[in-house]
Amino acid sequence: DAKTPQTILAGVVNDKTYGGVFFSHDDGATWTQQSNGLQGRDVFDMAQSANGVILAGTNAGIFRWDGTNWQPDGKIVKPLKKISYVVHRGKRSKVETTVMIPGGQMDVRVSDLDASGSTWYAATADGVYATTDQGATWVGGPVLDKTEYRAVASSGSMVIAAQRTALASSQDGGKNWQPLAMPHKLTWLQSITMAGNGSVWLGGREGVFYSERSEEHTSELQSH
């Protein structure tokens, strides 16, 4: 916990009622289970925002810690284009607008969360989702027509999302995506992070790989 460094949170996978999340308030000397609200879900990842919000990515959605219980997060909204017509000086014109409509609650596996910036990201079995309103609503879905994303990391407007064997990058906060070549020696990706200077670090079966970011693009990923 960035606000109280002696507090540590640990998520548990595949342990049903004995799993969920454990808290330690004494640097790991003792632990207490705090899983109310998770209903036996596996916890794959946790993240904390700059203002202290703690999120958990589970096998069925995102949850937020309210100080006592875990509350469901991940309310999805979807863009819908609406067409209307206006008449101005006798001329009829078509006007196209985009409105956001409810899309249900996120209930798929959430493998990774990044809440380090003003936009938060979630790598899920349905693709990559983002929120710009502190988790009130999430927008997203398949990236480059692919789902099953396992990791996501951001630095400013640059975002990197990863499947086990493929990478995608965005320079505009996830609005547009491009394929990013995997290091030729890396066959199975497990984790991804970005440093403050924008460099990308990948952890996988064959070791650690990094890429230094230039002003225009991310250079080739190298072993380290």
Protein backbone atom coordinates (compact mmCIF):
# COMPACT_ATOMS: atom_id res chain seq x y z
CA ASP A 1 0.00 0.00 0.00
CA ALA A 2 1.66 3.22 -1.17
CA LYS A 3 -0.07 5.23 1.58
CA THR A 4 1.03 2.87 4.37
CA PRO A 5 4.15 1.00 3.19
CA GLN A 6 4.01 -1.50 6.07
CA THR A 7 0.74 -2.81 4.62
CA ILE A 8 1.13 -5.62 2.07
CA LEU A 9 -1.64 -7.27 0.02
CA ALA A 10 -1.39 -10.77 -1.47
CA GLY A 11 -3.83 -12.37 -3.89
CA VAL A 12 -4.47 -16.13 -3.98
CA VAL A 13 -5.41 -18.40 -6.89
CA ASN A 14 -7.23 -21.76 -6.70
CA ASP A 15 -8.00 -21.82 -2.99
CA LYS A 16 -11.76 -21.11 -2.88
CA THR A 17 -12.93 -19.91 0.54
CA TYR A 18 -9.35 -19.99 1.84
CA GLY A 19 -8.14 -17.73 -0.97
CA GLY A 20 -9.01 -14.25 -2.19
CA VAL A 21 -6.87 -11.51 -0.64
CA PHE A 22 -4.74 -11.43 2.50
CA PHE A 23 -3.59 -8.25 4.25
CA SER A 24 -0.55 -7.72 6.43
CA HIS A 25 -0.21 -4.47 8.38
CA ASP A 26 3.18 -5.30 9.92
CA ASP A 27 5.50 -5.82 6.94
CA GLY A 28 4.41 -9.43 6.46
CA ALA A 29 4.87 -10.70 10.03
CA THR A 30 1.16 -11.63 10.33
CA TRP A 31 -1.63 -11.98 7.79
CA THR A 32 -5.45 -11.66 7.83
CA GLN A 33 -7.85 -12.81 5.14
CA GLN A 34 -9.96 -9.94 3.75
CA SER A 35 -12.06 -11.55 1.05
CA ASN A 36 -15.60 -10.38 1.85
CA GLY A 37 -17.40 -9.78 -1.44
CA LEU A 38 -15.11 -11.88 -3.63
CA GLN A 39 -17.26 -15.01 -3.17
CA GLY A 40 -14.38 -17.43 -3.61
CA ARG A 41 -12.99 -15.86 -6.78
CA ASP A 42 -9.35 -16.34 -7.76
CA VAL A 43 -7.27 -13.17 -7.65
CA PHE A 44 -4.80 -12.86 -10.54
CA ASP A 45 -3.62 -9.29 -10.06
CA MET A 46 -3.95 -6.21 -7.87
CA ALA A 47 -3.19 -2.58 -8.61
CA GLN A 48 -3.30 0.71 -6.75
CA SER A 49 -4.01 4.10 -8.32
CA ALA A 50 -2.17 7.31 -7.48
CA ASN A 51 -5.02 8.37 -5.18
CA GLY A 52 -4.97 5.06 -3.29
CA VAL A 53 -7.78 3.07 -4.92
CA ILE A 54 -7.03 -0.67 -4.71
CA LEU A 55 -8.35 -2.94 -7.46
CA ALA A 56 -8.31 -6.72 -7.80
CA GLY A 57 -8.47 -8.58 -11.10
CA THR A 58 -10.21 -11.94 -10.66
CA ASN A 59 -11.41 -14.90 -12.69
CA ALA A 60 -14.78 -13.11 -12.93
CA GLY A 61 -14.39 -9.35 -13.10
CA ILE A 62 -12.78 -6.42 -11.30
CA PHE A 63 -13.34 -5.59 -7.63
CA ARG A 64 -12.56 -2.48 -5.58
CA TRP A 65 -11.58 -2.40 -1.89
CA ASP A 66 -13.78 -0.01 0.12
CA GLY A 67 -11.90 -0.44 3.38
CA THR A 68 -14.13 -3.24 4.62
CA ASN A 69 -15.35 -5.27 1.65
CA TRP A 70 -14.60 -5.88 -2.02
CA GLN A 71 -17.19 -4.24 -4.27
CA PRO A 72 -17.83 -5.12 -7.95
CA ASP A 73 -16.20 -2.73 -10.42
CA GLY A 74 -15.96 -3.01 -14.20
CA LYS A 75 -19.23 -1.47 -15.39
CA ILE A 76 -18.93 -1.63 -19.19
CA VAL A 77 -20.30 0.96 -21.60
CA LYS A 78 -20.37 0.61 -25.38
CA PRO A 79 -20.40 3.30 -28.10
CA LEU A 80 -23.53 3.51 -30.24
CA LYS A 81 -23.78 5.70 -33.32
CA LYS A 82 -27.05 7.58 -33.66
CA ILE A 83 -28.22 9.35 -36.80
CA SER A 84 -30.59 12.31 -36.75
CA TYR A 85 -31.63 14.93 -39.26
CA VAL A 86 -31.81 18.69 -38.96
CA VAL A 87 -33.30 21.25 -41.30
CA HIS A 88 -31.48 24.53 -41.76
CA ARG A 89 -32.73 27.12 -44.24
CA GLY A 90 -34.79 24.52 -45.97
CA LYS A 91 -31.90 22.06 -46.37
CA ARG A 92 -32.09 18.69 -44.59
CA SER A 93 -28.76 17.44 -43.23
CA LYS A 94 -27.75 14.19 -41.54
CA VAL A 95 -26.03 14.44 -38.16
CA GLU A 96 -24.16 11.48 -36.70
CA THR A 97 -23.40 11.37 -32.97
CA THR A 98 -21.95 8.73 -30.66
CA VAL A 99 -23.58 7.93 -27.34
CA MET A 100 -22.46 5.47 -24.69
CA ILE A 101 -24.95 2.77 -23.68
CA PRO A 102 -24.75 0.23 -20.81
CA GLY A 103 -22.89 -2.95 -21.73
CA GLY A 104 -23.25 -4.99 -18.57
CA GLN A 105 -20.79 -5.89 -15.84
CA MET A 106 -17.35 -7.24 -16.64
CA ASP A 107 -17.45 -10.90 -15.56
CA VAL A 108 -14.53 -12.49 -17.43
CA ARG A 109 -11.01 -13.31 -16.30
CA VAL A 110 -8.96 -10.17 -15.59
CA SER A 111 -5.30 -11.14 -15.73
CA ASP A 112 -3.62 -7.76 -15.31
CA LEU A 113 -4.42 -4.20 -14.22
CA ASP A 114 -2.55 -0.93 -14.70
CA ALA A 115 -3.84 1.99 -12.62
CA SER A 116 -0.60 3.97 -12.60
CA GLY A 117 -1.87 6.90 -14.71
CA SER A 118 -5.00 8.96 -15.21
CA THR A 119 -6.34 6.22 -17.50
CA TRP A 120 -6.59 2.73 -16.00
CA TYR A 121 -6.31 -0.42 -18.13
CA ALA A 122 -7.38 -4.04 -17.73
CA ALA A 123 -6.13 -7.03 -19.76
CA THR A 124 -8.98 -9.55 -19.93
CA ALA A 125 -10.23 -12.66 -21.69
CA ASP A 126 -12.43 -10.35 -23.81
CA GLY A 127 -9.63 -7.96 -24.79
CA VAL A 128 -8.35 -4.72 -23.27
CA TYR A 129 -10.54 -2.26 -21.37
CA ALA A 130 -9.82 1.29 -20.19
CA THR A 131 -11.42 3.78 -17.84
CA THR A 132 -10.86 7.54 -17.71
CA ASP A 133 -13.29 8.18 -14.85
CA GLN A 134 -11.64 6.30 -11.96
CA GLY A 135 -13.43 3.04 -12.74
CA ALA A 136 -17.00 4.37 -12.99
CA THR A 137 -17.22 3.05 -16.56
CA TRP A 138 -14.96 0.87 -18.71
CA VAL A 139 -14.72 0.85 -22.53
CA GLY A 140 -12.94 -1.67 -24.72
CA GLY A 141 -12.97 -5.15 -26.17
CA PRO A 142 -10.87 -7.11 -28.69
CA VAL A 143 -7.59 -5.51 -29.78
CA LEU A 144 -6.53 -6.13 -33.37
CA ASP A 145 -9.45 -8.60 -33.55
CA LYS A 146 -7.92 -10.68 -30.75
CA THR A 147 -9.05 -11.48 -27.21
CA GLU A 148 -7.30 -13.34 -24.36
CA TYR A 149 -4.94 -10.54 -23.34
CA ARG A 150 -2.81 -11.41 -20.32
CA ALA A 151 -0.83 -8.24 -19.55
CA VAL A 152 -1.01 -4.47 -20.02
CA ALA A 153 1.25 -1.56 -19.09
CA SER A 154 1.19 2.17 -19.78
CA SER A 155 3.37 5.26 -19.61
CA GLY A 156 1.55 8.47 -20.46
CA SER A 157 -0.39 7.93 -23.69
CA MET A 158 1.69 4.88 -24.68
CA VAL A 159 0.13 1.48 -23.90
CA ILE A 160 1.48 -2.03 -24.49
CA ALA A 161 -0.88 -5.03 -24.30
CA ALA A 162 0.23 -8.63 -24.49
CA GLN A 163 -1.09 -12.06 -25.22
CA ARG A 164 1.09 -15.06 -24.47
CA THR A 165 2.72 -14.93 -27.91
CA ALA A 166 1.81 -11.51 -29.35
CA LEU A 167 2.12 -7.80 -28.52
CA ALA A 168 0.12 -4.71 -29.47
CA SER A 169 1.01 -1.06 -28.90
CA SER A 170 -0.95 2.18 -28.80
CA GLN A 171 0.42 5.72 -28.87
CA ASP A 172 -2.91 7.41 -28.10
CA GLY A 173 -4.16 5.85 -24.90
CA GLY A 174 -5.69 2.76 -26.46
CA LYS A 175 -7.78 4.45 -29.17
CA ASN A 176 -5.74 2.91 -32.00
CA TRP A 177 -3.54 -0.19 -31.90
CA GLN A 178 -0.68 -1.56 -33.99
CA PRO A 179 1.09 -4.94 -33.84
CA LEU A 180 4.45 -4.94 -32.07
CA ALA A 181 6.96 -7.63 -32.91
CA MET A 182 7.88 -10.03 -30.12
CA PRO A 183 11.60 -10.52 -29.41
CA HIS A 184 12.62 -13.41 -31.67
CA LYS A 185 13.99 -15.39 -28.70
CA LEU A 186 10.86 -15.01 -26.57
CA THR A 187 8.23 -17.71 -27.11
CA TRP A 188 6.01 -17.35 -24.02
CA LEU A 189 5.33 -14.02 -22.34
CA GLN A 190 4.35 -13.84 -18.68
CA SER A 191 4.61 -10.21 -17.57
CA ILE A 192 5.12 -6.68 -18.85
CA THR A 193 5.94 -3.31 -17.29
CA MET A 194 7.04 0.15 -18.39
CA ALA A 195 9.62 2.34 -16.70
CA GLY A 196 9.24 6.07 -16.18
CA ASN A 197 11.31 6.81 -19.28
CA GLY A 198 8.90 4.81 -21.47
CA SER A 199 11.10 1.75 -21.85
CA VAL A 200 9.24 -1.57 -22.07
CA TRP A 201 10.27 -4.62 -20.04
CA LEU A 202 9.00 -8.13 -20.76
CA GLY A 203 9.36 -11.23 -18.60
CA GLY A 204 8.94 -14.64 -20.15
CA ARG A 205 10.05 -18.22 -20.42
CA GLU A 206 13.42 -17.32 -21.93
CA GLY A 207 14.26 -14.44 -19.59
CA VAL A 208 13.90 -10.65 -19.47
CA PHE A 209 13.72 -8.42 -22.54
CA TYR A 210 13.65 -4.63 -22.82
CA SER A 211 13.11 -1.89 -25.37
CA GLU A 212 14.28 1.69 -25.14
CA ARG A 213 11.70 4.19 -26.31
CA SER A 214 12.61 6.88 -28.82
CA GLU A 215 10.52 9.99 -29.44
CA GLU A 216 8.85 8.36 -32.44
CA HIS A 217 8.58 4.68 -31.71
CA THR A 218 9.57 1.76 -29.58
CA SER A 219 12.79 0.19 -30.78
CA GLU A 220 13.43 -3.52 -31.12
CA LEU A 221 13.04 -5.55 -27.95
CA GLN A 222 16.33 -7.05 -26.81
CA SER A 223 17.33 -9.66 -24.26
CA HIS A 224 18.84 -8.45 -21.02
